[in-house]
Amino acid sequence: LPPPKLQTPQVTEDRDPEPSRMQMPRGNPLLLSYTLQELLARDTVQVELIPEKKGLFLKHVEYEVSSQRFKSSVYRRYNDFVVFHDMLLHRFPYRMVPALPPKRMLGADREFIEARRRALKRFINLVARHPPFSEDVILKLFLSFSGSDVQNKLKESAQFVGDEFMNCKLATRAKDFLPADIQTQFAVSRELIRNIYNGFYKLRDRAERIASRAIDNAADLLIFGKELSALGSDTTPLPSWATLNSSTWGALKQALKGLSVEFALLADKAAQQGKQEENDVVEKLNLFLDLLQSYKDLCERHERGVLHKHQRALHKYSLMKRQMMSAAVQNREPESVEQLESRIVEQENAIQTMELRNYFSLYCLHQETQLIHVYLPLTSHILGAFVNSQIQGHKEMSKVWNDLKPKLSCLFAGPHSALTPPRSPPEDGVCPH
């Protein structure tokens, strides 16, 4: 859809608002009063590949999108998400609209498809929990409309509805609620969010490496156990001179053969830990990074968009005023002077509207900054999940290692063995002489 025309919304205080019109918040409308728990409780949306559509090379990938809040389950394609994303930007140009993952490249494999599914899930959950978005009809349509053409339905719903500036009752008075040093606060907040983003980006990279190492460790443990089993299953006959004094190799083989079960269990525990950290640590870090990136994008949109247009309109206005003064000095025809006056009045109205939009954009930025800080305690969720995963993983693997140890006793048995295992040191850490 083309961007909405820059118009001043007609606001009347004594008139009952239309049902679709955004309501005036109570108290100080600039301040958000949400907790992280309240945001997370707004909705939980699952995005899953439709099982029968899974495959390496797919013409179309479809997702089942299920919302707890609307008790709905609908099928969506990636292009449906694209149209929904466009409608959000149209309706809320001054809010944090998370970015979508990239389109599928040629020959996309399961790994790409799974990464995109995770990204779409993060996107829709951030949107479903965002206060203004969560109350908008286009979110309800996207999460609950089960008709054959959700894209047209979304476009129709936005066709006759302006953006948030046109529908918010306090749009023309946003300046009244802004602090006097809003520009300074904006610059400081932007720098802070940039630093937080950079820090969490590095944390996410390390968390990915830790989870990946656990999964690699699982593969190595499994292969280690299989190699032990292969040694134990070796059927090569022993030469007679190797068995003159003992049949050590036969006993060793019997012990080695049974160890693959424990090593498979160890591999399973390591894999579980890696997957849990991917889901509970890496994904939560990615969710927060997506939110922080949407704030950075919003700051850029503010500067490139309404702020730039406002400055450009002021420049154009000053040029027109000069033309007007020049025309008056040169005693031009009254008609041409009237046309210039008319154009100047139009430009003054446009400047007034852009100035209002600029303040409303700053108003929204102020609220979105608060929303970022509401999400900051997610850090404790992430660290808690990481610590719990490490504790549980090491605890479960330690139990398997301890269960495995007695099964090694026969490996060290025999009067002629030089493989007697060292005794465990006493609890005080001092080995006996």
Foldseek 3Di string as FASTA:
>chain_A
DDADDLAQADADDPDDADPQFDDDDPDQSLDDDDFLVLLLVLKQKAWAWDVVQDDFAHPWTKIWIAIPNVRATEIDTPVLVVLLLVLCCRACVLAQQFDADDDDDPRHGPVNVVVNSLRVSLRLSVQCSDVVSVPHVLNVLSNHPHDDDSSVVSCVVCVPPGHNLNRYNCLQPLLVSDDPPLVVVLVVLLVVLVVVLVVLVVVLVVLLVVLVVLLVVLVVLLVVLVVLLVQLPDPDDDDPVVPPPHPLSPLSSVLSNPRSVLSNVLSVLSNVLSVLSVPQANSLSVSLSSLSVSLNVSVVCLVVPLVVVLVVLVVVLVVLVVVLVVCVVVVDDPVVNVVSVVVNVVSVSSNSSSVSVSSSSSSNSSSSSVVSVSCVVVVVSNVVSNVVSVVVSVVVSVVSVVVSVVSCVSNQDDPPGPPNDDDDADPVPDRDD
